[in-house]
Amino acid sequence: MTENGFVPGTMHLVDIEGTLRAKHASGGQTDVVLIPAPSDDPDDPLNWSAKRKLLSTASISIYTFAIGTTSAAIYSILEPIEKDTGLTLNDLNAGTGYMV
């Protein structure tokens, strides 16, 4: 335990007494501690526009789909590759696993 009594790595999310030195929410929920603390950095994902967030999510999704599809598509041709190269099916499967 640390000096404030919290387990290391945990955060205090509600500050009813208002004693924490942290950014708090505005409006009617001023006892809520904002974790992570908001910043003015334009590269902070919390400050991204909706369009940029959508583009980032779409890019990650397309990349994940492309990698999964191409690594799965090779299974249909493993038998001819096994015959042509002399590699065992286990070696080819291991290579496919390394590719992913």
PDB file of N, CA and C in Angstrom:
ATOM      1  N   MET A   1       0.836  -1.185   0.000  1.00  0.00           N
ATOM      2  CA  MET A   1       0.000   0.000   0.000  1.00  0.00           C
ATOM      3  C   MET A   1       0.877   1.243   0.000  1.00  0.00           C
ATOM      4  N   THR A   2       0.356   2.289  -0.571  1.00  0.00           N
ATOM      5  CA  THR A   2       1.087   3.545  -0.618  1.00  0.00           C
ATOM      6  C   THR A   2       0.688   4.411   0.568  1.00  0.00           C
ATOM      7  N   GLU A   3       1.267   5.597   0.631  1.00  0.00           N
ATOM      8  CA  GLU A   3       1.003   6.487   1.762  1.00  0.00           C
ATOM      9  C   GLU A   3      -0.450   6.928   1.852  1.00  0.00           C
ATOM     10  N   ASN A   4      -1.171   6.962   0.707  1.00  0.00           N
ATOM     11  CA  ASN A   4      -2.566   7.380   0.753  1.00  0.00           C
ATOM     12  C   ASN A   4      -3.520   6.206   0.966  1.00  0.00           C
ATOM     13  N   GLY A   5      -2.977   4.978   1.098  1.00  0.00           N
ATOM     14  CA  GLY A   5      -3.810   3.831   1.396  1.00  0.00           C
ATOM     15  C   GLY A   5      -4.344   3.092   0.188  1.00  0.00           C
ATOM     16  N   PHE A   6      -4.018   3.533  -1.020  1.00  0.00           N
ATOM     17  CA  PHE A   6      -4.493   2.861  -2.222  1.00  0.00           C
ATOM     18  C   PHE A   6      -3.484   1.832  -2.695  1.00  0.00           C
ATOM     19  N   VAL A   7      -3.970   0.790  -3.300  1.00  0.00           N
ATOM     20  CA  VAL A   7      -3.107  -0.213  -3.908  1.00  0.00           C
ATOM     21  C   VAL A   7      -2.442   0.431  -5.124  1.00  0.00           C
ATOM     22  N   PRO A   8      -1.124   0.236  -5.319  1.00  0.00           N
ATOM     23  CA  PRO A   8      -0.459   0.834  -6.484  1.00  0.00           C
ATOM     24  C   PRO A   8      -1.125   0.395  -7.790  1.00  0.00           C
ATOM     25  N   GLY A   9      -1.305   1.340  -8.692  1.00  0.00           N
ATOM     26  CA  GLY A   9      -1.933   1.054  -9.975  1.00  0.00           C
ATOM     27  C   GLY A   9      -3.426   1.297  -9.992  1.00  0.00           C
ATOM     28  N   THR A  10      -4.022   1.608  -8.841  1.00  0.00           N
ATOM     29  CA  THR A  10      -5.446   1.914  -8.804  1.00  0.00           C
ATOM     30  C   THR A  10      -5.624   3.422  -8.722  1.00  0.00           C
ATOM     31  N   MET A  11      -6.776   3.889  -9.110  1.00  0.00           N
ATOM     32  CA  MET A  11      -7.041   5.325  -9.127  1.00  0.00           C
ATOM     33  C   MET A  11      -8.301   5.620  -8.315  1.00  0.00           C
ATOM     34  N   HIS A  12      -8.302   6.764  -7.709  1.00  0.00           N
ATOM     35  CA  HIS A  12      -9.453   7.253  -6.960  1.00  0.00           C
ATOM     36  C   HIS A  12     -10.356   7.974  -7.962  1.00  0.00           C
ATOM     37  N   LEU A  13     -11.548   7.448  -8.246  1.00  0.00           N
ATOM     38  CA  LEU A  13     -12.402   7.996  -9.293  1.00  0.00           C
ATOM     39  C   LEU A  13     -13.451   8.978  -8.791  1.00  0.00           C
ATOM     40  N   VAL A  14     -13.754   8.945  -7.512  1.00  0.00           N
ATOM     41  CA  VAL A  14     -14.747   9.861  -6.954  1.00  0.00           C
ATOM     42  C   VAL A  14     -14.106  10.569  -5.766  1.00  0.00           C
ATOM     43  N   ASP A  15     -14.201  11.902  -5.764  1.00  0.00           N
ATOM     44  CA  ASP A  15     -13.590  12.724  -4.715  1.00  0.00           C
ATOM     45  C   ASP A  15     -14.685  13.572  -4.077  1.00  0.00           C
ATOM     46  N   ILE A  16     -15.437  12.959  -3.191  1.00  0.00           N
ATOM     47  CA  ILE A  16     -16.578  13.643  -2.580  1.00  0.00           C
ATOM     48  C   ILE A  16     -16.126  14.817  -1.722  1.00  0.00           C
ATOM     49  N   GLU A  17     -15.010  14.655  -0.997  1.00  0.00           N
ATOM     50  CA  GLU A  17     -14.526  15.729  -0.135  1.00  0.00           C
ATOM     51  C   GLU A  17     -13.823  16.834  -0.919  1.00  0.00           C
ATOM     52  N   GLY A  18     -13.413  16.566  -2.147  1.00  0.00           N
ATOM     53  CA  GLY A  18     -12.706  17.566  -2.945  1.00  0.00           C
ATOM     54  C   GLY A  18     -11.273  17.779  -2.509  1.00  0.00           C
ATOM     55  N   THR A  19     -10.625  16.733  -2.008  1.00  0.00           N
ATOM     56  CA  THR A  19      -9.268  16.875  -1.483  1.00  0.00           C
ATOM     57  C   THR A  19      -8.173  16.454  -2.464  1.00  0.00           C
ATOM     58  N   LEU A  20      -8.526  15.782  -3.534  1.00  0.00           N
ATOM     59  CA  LEU A  20      -7.509  15.322  -4.488  1.00  0.00           C
ATOM     60  C   LEU A  20      -7.066  16.451  -5.408  1.00  0.00           C
ATOM     61  N   ARG A  21      -5.772  16.450  -5.726  1.00  0.00           N
ATOM     62  CA  ARG A  21      -5.250  17.408  -6.704  1.00  0.00           C
ATOM     63  C   ARG A  21      -5.296  16.749  -8.072  1.00  0.00           C
ATOM     64  N   ALA A  22      -6.440  16.828  -8.705  1.00  0.00           N
ATOM     65  CA  ALA A  22      -6.640  16.218 -10.018  1.00  0.00           C
ATOM     66  C   ALA A  22      -7.731  16.989 -10.734  1.00  0.00           C
ATOM     67  N   LYS A  23      -7.814  16.797 -12.046  1.00  0.00           N
ATOM     68  CA  LYS A  23      -8.881  17.449 -12.797  1.00  0.00           C
ATOM     69  C   LYS A  23     -10.194  16.748 -12.490  1.00  0.00           C
ATOM     70  N   HIS A  24     -11.203  17.553 -12.237  1.00  0.00           N
ATOM     71  CA  HIS A  24     -12.524  17.040 -11.930  1.00  0.00           C
ATOM     72  C   HIS A  24     -13.474  17.401 -13.066  1.00  0.00           C
ATOM     73  N   ALA A  25     -14.563  16.651 -13.157  1.00  0.00           N
ATOM     74  CA  ALA A  25     -15.580  16.932 -14.163  1.00  0.00           C
ATOM     75  C   ALA A  25     -16.254  18.259 -13.838  1.00  0.00           C
ATOM     76  N   SER A  26     -16.866  18.829 -14.840  1.00  0.00           N
ATOM     77  CA  SER A  26     -17.565  20.102 -14.627  1.00  0.00           C
ATOM     78  C   SER A  26     -19.066  19.844 -14.569  1.00  0.00           C
ATOM     79  N   GLY A  27     -19.805  20.876 -14.337  1.00  0.00           N
ATOM     80  CA  GLY A  27     -21.252  20.750 -14.269  1.00  0.00           C
ATOM     81  C   GLY A  27     -21.695  20.197 -12.930  1.00  0.00           C
ATOM     82  N   GLY A  28     -22.661  19.300 -12.950  1.00  0.00           N
ATOM     83  CA  GLY A  28     -23.215  18.750 -11.723  1.00  0.00           C
ATOM     84  C   GLY A  28     -22.437  17.580 -11.155  1.00  0.00           C
ATOM     85  N   GLN A  29     -21.343  17.180 -11.808  1.00  0.00           N
ATOM     86  CA  GLN A  29     -20.590  16.015 -11.335  1.00  0.00           C
ATOM     87  C   GLN A  29     -19.157  16.398 -10.987  1.00  0.00           C
ATOM     88  N   THR A  30     -18.997  17.411 -10.168  1.00  0.00           N
ATOM     89  CA  THR A  30     -17.661  17.901  -9.830  1.00  0.00           C
ATOM     90  C   THR A  30     -16.896  16.964  -8.905  1.00  0.00           C
ATOM     91  N   ASP A  31     -17.559  15.938  -8.364  1.00  0.00           N
ATOM     92  CA  ASP A  31     -16.854  14.985  -7.512  1.00  0.00           C
ATOM     93  C   ASP A  31     -16.189  13.863  -8.316  1.00  0.00           C
ATOM     94  N   VAL A  32     -16.425  13.802  -9.621  1.00  0.00           N
ATOM     95  CA  VAL A  32     -15.836  12.768 -10.478  1.00  0.00           C
ATOM     96  C   VAL A  32     -14.448  13.214 -10.925  1.00  0.00           C
ATOM     97  N   VAL A  33     -13.452  12.352 -10.682  1.00  0.00           N
ATOM     98  CA  VAL A  33     -12.073  12.627 -11.091  1.00  0.00           C
ATOM     99  C   VAL A  33     -11.894  12.117 -12.515  1.00  0.00           C
ATOM    100  N   LEU A  34     -11.342  12.956 -13.390  1.00  0.00           N
ATOM    101  CA  LEU A  34     -11.163  12.581 -14.788  1.00  0.00           C
ATOM    102  C   LEU A  34      -9.853  11.818 -14.967  1.00  0.00           C
ATOM    103  N   ILE A  35      -9.960  10.533 -15.325  1.00  0.00           N
ATOM    104  CA  ILE A  35      -8.802   9.671 -15.557  1.00  0.00           C
ATOM    105  C   ILE A  35      -8.953   9.080 -16.944  1.00  0.00           C
ATOM    106  N   PRO A  36      -8.043   9.274 -17.875  1.00  0.00           N
ATOM    107  CA  PRO A  36      -6.861  10.118 -17.807  1.00  0.00           C
ATOM    108  C   PRO A  36      -7.253  11.589 -17.821  1.00  0.00           C
ATOM    109  N   ALA A  37      -6.386  12.404 -17.264  1.00  0.00           N
ATOM    110  CA  ALA A  37      -6.658  13.840 -17.200  1.00  0.00           C
ATOM    111  C   ALA A  37      -6.661  14.421 -18.607  1.00  0.00           C
ATOM    112  N   PRO A  38      -7.662  15.220 -18.942  1.00  0.00           N
ATOM    113  CA  PRO A  38      -7.713  15.825 -20.272  1.00  0.00           C
ATOM    114  C   PRO A  38      -6.531  16.761 -20.504  1.00  0.00           C
ATOM    115  N   SER A  39      -6.101  16.836 -21.745  1.00  0.00           N
ATOM    116  CA  SER A  39      -5.012  17.740 -22.102  1.00  0.00           C
ATOM    117  C   SER A  39      -5.434  18.555 -23.317  1.00  0.00           C
ATOM    118  N   ASP A  40      -4.612  19.523 -23.673  1.00  0.00           N
ATOM    119  CA  ASP A  40      -4.876  20.333 -24.859  1.00  0.00           C
ATOM    120  C   ASP A  40      -4.108  19.820 -26.069  1.00  0.00           C
ATOM    121  N   ASP A  41      -3.423  18.696 -25.930  1.00  0.00           N
ATOM    122  CA  ASP A  41      -2.615  18.129 -27.003  1.00  0.00           C
ATOM    123  C   ASP A  41      -3.516  17.648 -28.144  1.00  0.00           C
ATOM    124  N   PRO A  42      -3.283  18.127 -29.371  1.00  0.00           N
ATOM    125  CA  PRO A  42      -4.121  17.686 -30.489  1.00  0.00           C
ATOM    126  C   PRO A  42      -3.935  16.209 -30.835  1.00  0.00           C
ATOM    127  N   ASP A  43      -2.837  15.581 -30.386  1.00  0.00           N
ATOM    128  CA  ASP A  43      -2.621  14.162 -30.649  1.00  0.00           C
ATOM    129  C   ASP A  43      -3.255  13.264 -29.587  1.00  0.00           C
ATOM    130  N   ASP A  44      -3.856  13.850 -28.570  1.00  0.00           N
ATOM    131  CA  ASP A  44      -4.564  13.090 -27.545  1.00  0.00           C
ATOM    132  C   ASP A  44      -5.873  12.578 -28.155  1.00  0.00           C
ATOM    133  N   PRO A  45      -6.102  11.260 -28.177  1.00  0.00           N
ATOM    134  CA  PRO A  45      -7.330  10.730 -28.790  1.00  0.00           C
ATOM    135  C   PRO A  45      -8.613  11.301 -28.193  1.00  0.00           C
ATOM    136  N   LEU A  46      -8.562  11.775 -26.951  1.00  0.00           N
ATOM    137  CA  LEU A  46      -9.758  12.389 -26.368  1.00  0.00           C
ATOM    138  C   LEU A  46     -10.104  13.710 -27.049  1.00  0.00           C
ATOM    139  N   ASN A  47      -9.132  14.323 -27.738  1.00  0.00           N
ATOM    140  CA  ASN A  47      -9.364  15.596 -28.416  1.00  0.00           C
ATOM    141  C   ASN A  47      -9.587  15.439 -29.917  1.00  0.00           C
ATOM    142  N   TRP A  48      -9.546  14.238 -30.435  1.00  0.00           N
ATOM    143  CA  TRP A  48      -9.730  14.024 -31.868  1.00  0.00           C
ATOM    144  C   TRP A  48     -11.160  14.356 -32.273  1.00  0.00           C
ATOM    145  N   SER A  49     -11.304  14.782 -33.510  1.00  0.00           N
ATOM    146  CA  SER A  49     -12.640  15.006 -34.050  1.00  0.00           C
ATOM    147  C   SER A  49     -13.300  13.649 -34.300  1.00  0.00           C
ATOM    148  N   ALA A  50     -14.611  13.662 -34.450  1.00  0.00           N
ATOM    149  CA  ALA A  50     -15.331  12.409 -34.710  1.00  0.00           C
ATOM    150  C   ALA A  50     -14.852  11.777 -36.014  1.00  0.00           C
ATOM    151  N   LYS A  51     -14.538  12.607 -36.997  1.00  0.00           N
ATOM    152  CA  LYS A  51     -14.059  12.096 -38.288  1.00  0.00           C
ATOM    153  C   LYS A  51     -12.718  11.376 -38.124  1.00  0.00           C
ATOM    154  N   ARG A  52     -11.817  11.950 -37.337  1.00  0.00           N
ATOM    155  CA  ARG A  52     -10.506  11.325 -37.130  1.00  0.00           C
ATOM    156  C   ARG A  52     -10.647  10.025 -36.340  1.00  0.00           C
ATOM    157  N   LYS A  53     -11.525  10.002 -35.345  1.00  0.00           N
ATOM    158  CA  LYS A  53     -11.752   8.773 -34.579  1.00  0.00           C
ATOM    159  C   LYS A  53     -12.314   7.674 -35.476  1.00  0.00           C
ATOM    160  N   LEU A  54     -13.249   8.041 -36.351  1.00  0.00           N
ATOM    161  CA  LEU A  54     -13.834   7.073 -37.276  1.00  0.00           C
ATOM    162  C   LEU A  54     -12.783   6.549 -38.247  1.00  0.00           C
ATOM    163  N   LEU A  55     -11.943   7.438 -38.768  1.00  0.00           N
ATOM    164  CA  LEU A  55     -10.885   7.028 -39.689  1.00  0.00           C
ATOM    165  C   LEU A  55      -9.904   6.084 -39.004  1.00  0.00           C
ATOM    166  N   SER A  56      -9.533   6.377 -37.781  1.00  0.00           N
ATOM    167  CA  SER A  56      -8.614   5.517 -37.039  1.00  0.00           C
ATOM    168  C   SER A  56      -9.228   4.142 -36.791  1.00  0.00           C
ATOM    169  N   THR A  57     -10.471   4.115 -36.369  1.00  0.00           N
ATOM    170  CA  THR A  57     -11.152   2.845 -36.125  1.00  0.00           C
ATOM    171  C   THR A  57     -11.299   2.041 -37.409  1.00  0.00           C
ATOM    172  N   ALA A  58     -11.654   2.711 -38.503  1.00  0.00           N
ATOM    173  CA  ALA A  58     -11.798   2.022 -39.789  1.00  0.00           C
ATOM    174  C   ALA A  58     -10.464   1.468 -40.266  1.00  0.00           C
ATOM    175  N   SER A  59      -9.394   2.230 -40.112  1.00  0.00           N
ATOM    176  CA  SER A  59      -8.068   1.766 -40.538  1.00  0.00           C
ATOM    177  C   SER A  59      -7.643   0.521 -39.766  1.00  0.00           C
ATOM    178  N   ILE A  60      -7.835   0.537 -38.467  1.00  0.00           N
ATOM    179  CA  ILE A  60      -7.471  -0.617 -37.642  1.00  0.00           C
ATOM    180  C   ILE A  60      -8.324  -1.827 -38.015  1.00  0.00           C
ATOM    181  N   SER A  61      -9.611  -1.609 -38.252  1.00  0.00           N
ATOM    182  CA  SER A  61     -10.506  -2.712 -38.610  1.00  0.00           C
ATOM    183  C   SER A  61     -10.136  -3.314 -39.957  1.00  0.00           C
ATOM    184  N   ILE A  62      -9.853  -2.473 -40.945  1.00  0.00           N
ATOM    185  CA  ILE A  62      -9.480  -2.966 -42.274  1.00  0.00           C
ATOM    186  C   ILE A  62      -8.167  -3.727 -42.209  1.00  0.00           C
ATOM    187  N   TYR A  63      -7.201  -3.209 -41.471  1.00  0.00           N
ATOM    188  CA  TYR A  63      -5.912  -3.888 -41.328  1.00  0.00           C
ATOM    189  C   TYR A  63      -6.098  -5.261 -40.682  1.00  0.00           C
ATOM    190  N   THR A  64      -6.880  -5.315 -39.608  1.00  0.00           N
ATOM    191  CA  THR A  64      -7.121  -6.581 -38.918  1.00  0.00           C
ATOM    192  C   THR A  64      -7.823  -7.575 -39.831  1.00  0.00           C
ATOM    193  N   PHE A  65      -8.811  -7.122 -40.578  1.00  0.00           N
ATOM    194  CA  PHE A  65      -9.529  -7.989 -41.510  1.00  0.00           C
ATOM    195  C   PHE A  65      -8.600  -8.501 -42.601  1.00  0.00           C
ATOM    196  N   ALA A  66      -7.763  -7.622 -43.138  1.00  0.00           N
ATOM    197  CA  ALA A  66      -6.853  -8.020 -44.218  1.00  0.00           C
ATOM    198  C   ALA A  66      -5.847  -9.057 -43.740  1.00  0.00           C
ATOM    199  N   ILE A  67      -5.278  -8.865 -42.574  1.00  0.00           N
ATOM    200  CA  ILE A  67      -4.309  -9.830 -42.041  1.00  0.00           C
ATOM    201  C   ILE A  67      -4.987 -11.165 -41.762  1.00  0.00           C
ATOM    202  N   GLY A  68      -6.157 -11.136 -41.157  1.00  0.00           N
ATOM    203  CA  GLY A  68      -6.872 -12.379 -40.855  1.00  0.00           C
ATOM    204  C   GLY A  68      -7.289 -13.127 -42.104  1.00  0.00           C
ATOM    205  N   THR A  69      -7.743 -12.391 -43.110  1.00  0.00           N
ATOM    206  CA  THR A  69      -8.181 -13.025 -44.352  1.00  0.00           C
ATOM    207  C   THR A  69      -7.018 -13.652 -45.100  1.00  0.00           C
ATOM    208  N   THR A  70      -5.927 -12.918 -45.241  1.00  0.00           N
ATOM    209  CA  THR A  70      -4.800 -13.455 -46.001  1.00  0.00           C
ATOM    210  C   THR A  70      -4.144 -14.623 -45.294  1.00  0.00           C
ATOM    211  N   SER A  71      -4.063 -14.572 -43.976  1.00  0.00           N
ATOM    212  CA  SER A  71      -3.440 -15.696 -43.269  1.00  0.00           C
ATOM    213  C   SER A  71      -4.345 -16.922 -43.296  1.00  0.00           C
ATOM    214  N   ALA A  72      -5.662 -16.738 -43.346  1.00  0.00           N
ATOM    215  CA  ALA A  72      -6.579 -17.875 -43.420  1.00  0.00           C
ATOM    216  C   ALA A  72      -6.684 -18.415 -44.845  1.00  0.00           C
ATOM    217  N   ALA A  73      -6.510 -17.566 -45.840  1.00  0.00           N
ATOM    218  CA  ALA A  73      -6.650 -17.990 -47.233  1.00  0.00           C
ATOM    219  C   ALA A  73      -5.556 -18.956 -47.653  1.00  0.00           C
ATOM    220  N   ILE A  74      -4.416 -18.906 -47.011  1.00  0.00           N
ATOM    221  CA  ILE A  74      -3.307 -19.777 -47.404  1.00  0.00           C
ATOM    222  C   ILE A  74      -3.589 -21.243 -47.075  1.00  0.00           C
ATOM    223  N   TYR A  75      -4.501 -21.515 -46.146  1.00  0.00           N
ATOM    224  CA  TYR A  75      -4.779 -22.903 -45.768  1.00  0.00           C
ATOM    225  C   TYR A  75      -5.319 -23.718 -46.938  1.00  0.00           C
ATOM    226  N   SER A  76      -5.997 -23.093 -47.883  1.00  0.00           N
ATOM    227  CA  SER A  76      -6.559 -23.836 -49.011  1.00  0.00           C
ATOM    228  C   SER A  76      -5.494 -24.333 -49.976  1.00  0.00           C
ATOM    229  N   ILE A  77      -4.296 -23.776 -49.929  1.00  0.00           N
ATOM    230  CA  ILE A  77      -3.250 -24.200 -50.864  1.00  0.00           C
ATOM    231  C   ILE A  77      -2.060 -24.846 -50.169  1.00  0.00           C
ATOM    232  N   LEU A  78      -2.216 -25.207 -48.905  1.00  0.00           N
ATOM    233  CA  LEU A  78      -1.090 -25.813 -48.189  1.00  0.00           C
ATOM    234  C   LEU A  78      -0.709 -27.184 -48.750  1.00  0.00           C
ATOM    235  N   GLU A  79      -1.683 -27.956 -49.179  1.00  0.00           N
ATOM    236  CA  GLU A  79      -1.369 -29.290 -49.702  1.00  0.00           C
ATOM    237  C   GLU A  79      -0.523 -29.220 -50.976  1.00  0.00           C
ATOM    238  N   PRO A  80      -0.882 -28.393 -51.970  1.00  0.00           N
ATOM    239  CA  PRO A  80      -0.001 -28.278 -53.144  1.00  0.00           C
ATOM    240  C   PRO A  80       1.387 -27.724 -52.797  1.00  0.00           C
ATOM    241  N   ILE A  81       1.447 -26.796 -51.851  1.00  0.00           N
ATOM    242  CA  ILE A  81       2.754 -26.262 -51.437  1.00  0.00           C
ATOM    243  C   ILE A  81       3.573 -27.364 -50.784  1.00  0.00           C
ATOM    244  N   GLU A  82       2.908 -28.203 -49.986  1.00  0.00           N
ATOM    245  CA  GLU A  82       3.600 -29.313 -49.325  1.00  0.00           C
ATOM    246  C   GLU A  82       4.208 -30.259 -50.355  1.00  0.00           C
ATOM    247  N   LYS A  83       3.465 -30.564 -51.409  1.00  0.00           N
ATOM    248  CA  LYS A  83       3.966 -31.472 -52.451  1.00  0.00           C
ATOM    249  C   LYS A  83       5.103 -30.844 -53.248  1.00  0.00           C
ATOM    250  N   ASP A  84       4.978 -29.555 -53.567  1.00  0.00           N
ATOM    251  CA  ASP A  84       5.981 -28.887 -54.405  1.00  0.00           C
ATOM    252  C   ASP A  84       7.286 -28.605 -53.669  1.00  0.00           C
ATOM    253  N   THR A  85       7.201 -28.270 -52.392  1.00  0.00           N
ATOM    254  CA  THR A  85       8.405 -27.848 -51.673  1.00  0.00           C
ATOM    255  C   THR A  85       9.028 -28.941 -50.821  1.00  0.00           C
ATOM    256  N   GLY A  86       8.257 -29.955 -50.479  1.00  0.00           N
ATOM    257  CA  GLY A  86       8.782 -31.003 -49.614  1.00  0.00           C
ATOM    258  C   GLY A  86       8.705 -30.651 -48.136  1.00  0.00           C
ATOM    259  N   LEU A  87       8.164 -29.489 -47.808  1.00  0.00           N
ATOM    260  CA  LEU A  87       7.978 -29.114 -46.403  1.00  0.00           C
ATOM    261  C   LEU A  87       6.800 -29.885 -45.827  1.00  0.00           C
ATOM    262  N   THR A  88       6.876 -30.195 -44.548  1.00  0.00           N
ATOM    263  CA  THR A  88       5.761 -30.901 -43.914  1.00  0.00           C
ATOM    264  C   THR A  88       4.623 -29.920 -43.628  1.00  0.00           C
ATOM    265  N   LEU A  89       3.447 -30.494 -43.449  1.00  0.00           N
ATOM    266  CA  LEU A  89       2.284 -29.663 -43.134  1.00  0.00           C
ATOM    267  C   LEU A  89       2.476 -28.936 -41.805  1.00  0.00           C
ATOM    268  N   ASN A  90       3.143 -29.583 -40.859  1.00  0.00           N
ATOM    269  CA  ASN A  90       3.424 -28.931 -39.570  1.00  0.00           C
ATOM    270  C   ASN A  90       4.305 -27.701 -39.754  1.00  0.00           C
ATOM    271  N   ASP A  91       5.330 -27.802 -40.602  1.00  0.00           N
ATOM    272  CA  ASP A  91       6.202 -26.652 -40.852  1.00  0.00           C
ATOM    273  C   ASP A  91       5.436 -25.519 -41.528  1.00  0.00           C
ATOM    274  N   LEU A  92       4.578 -25.875 -42.474  1.00  0.00           N
ATOM    275  CA  LEU A  92       3.790 -24.844 -43.163  1.00  0.00           C
ATOM    276  C   LEU A  92       2.812 -24.167 -42.203  1.00  0.00           C
ATOM    277  N   ASN A  93       2.185 -24.946 -41.334  1.00  0.00           N
ATOM    278  CA  ASN A  93       1.282 -24.355 -40.338  1.00  0.00           C
ATOM    279  C   ASN A  93       2.035 -23.443 -39.383  1.00  0.00           C
ATOM    280  N   ALA A  94       3.223 -23.862 -38.982  1.00  0.00           N
ATOM    281  CA  ALA A  94       4.032 -23.019 -38.097  1.00  0.00           C
ATOM    282  C   ALA A  94       4.397 -21.717 -38.801  1.00  0.00           C
ATOM    283  N   GLY A  95       4.743 -21.801 -40.072  1.00  0.00           N
ATOM    284  CA  GLY A  95       5.070 -20.593 -40.836  1.00  0.00           C
ATOM    285  C   GLY A  95       3.889 -19.656 -40.952  1.00  0.00           C
ATOM    286  N   THR A  96       2.701 -20.222 -41.127  1.00  0.00           N
ATOM    287  CA  THR A  96       1.499 -19.394 -41.185  1.00  0.00           C
ATOM    288  C   THR A  96       1.264 -18.715 -39.842  1.00  0.00           C
ATOM    289  N   GLY A  97       1.525 -19.425 -38.765  1.00  0.00           N
ATOM    290  CA  GLY A  97       1.388 -18.828 -37.432  1.00  0.00           C
ATOM    291  C   GLY A  97       2.371 -17.700 -37.213  1.00  0.00           C
ATOM    292  N   TYR A  98       3.585 -17.849 -37.720  1.00  0.00           N
ATOM    293  CA  TYR A  98       4.577 -16.781 -37.596  1.00  0.00           C
ATOM    294  C   TYR A  98       4.166 -15.567 -38.407  1.00  0.00           C
ATOM    295  N   MET A  99       3.480 -15.794 -39.531  1.00  0.00           N
ATOM    296  CA  MET A  99       3.068 -14.689 -40.394  1.00  0.00           C
ATOM    297  C   MET A  99       2.049 -13.799 -39.693  1.00  0.00           C
ATOM    298  N   VAL A 100       1.185 -14.409 -38.922  1.00  0.00           N
ATOM    299  CA  VAL A 100       0.151 -13.646 -38.244  1.00  0.00           C
ATOM    300  C   VAL A 100       0.783 -12.925 -37.095  1.00  0.00           C
TER     301      VAL A 100
END
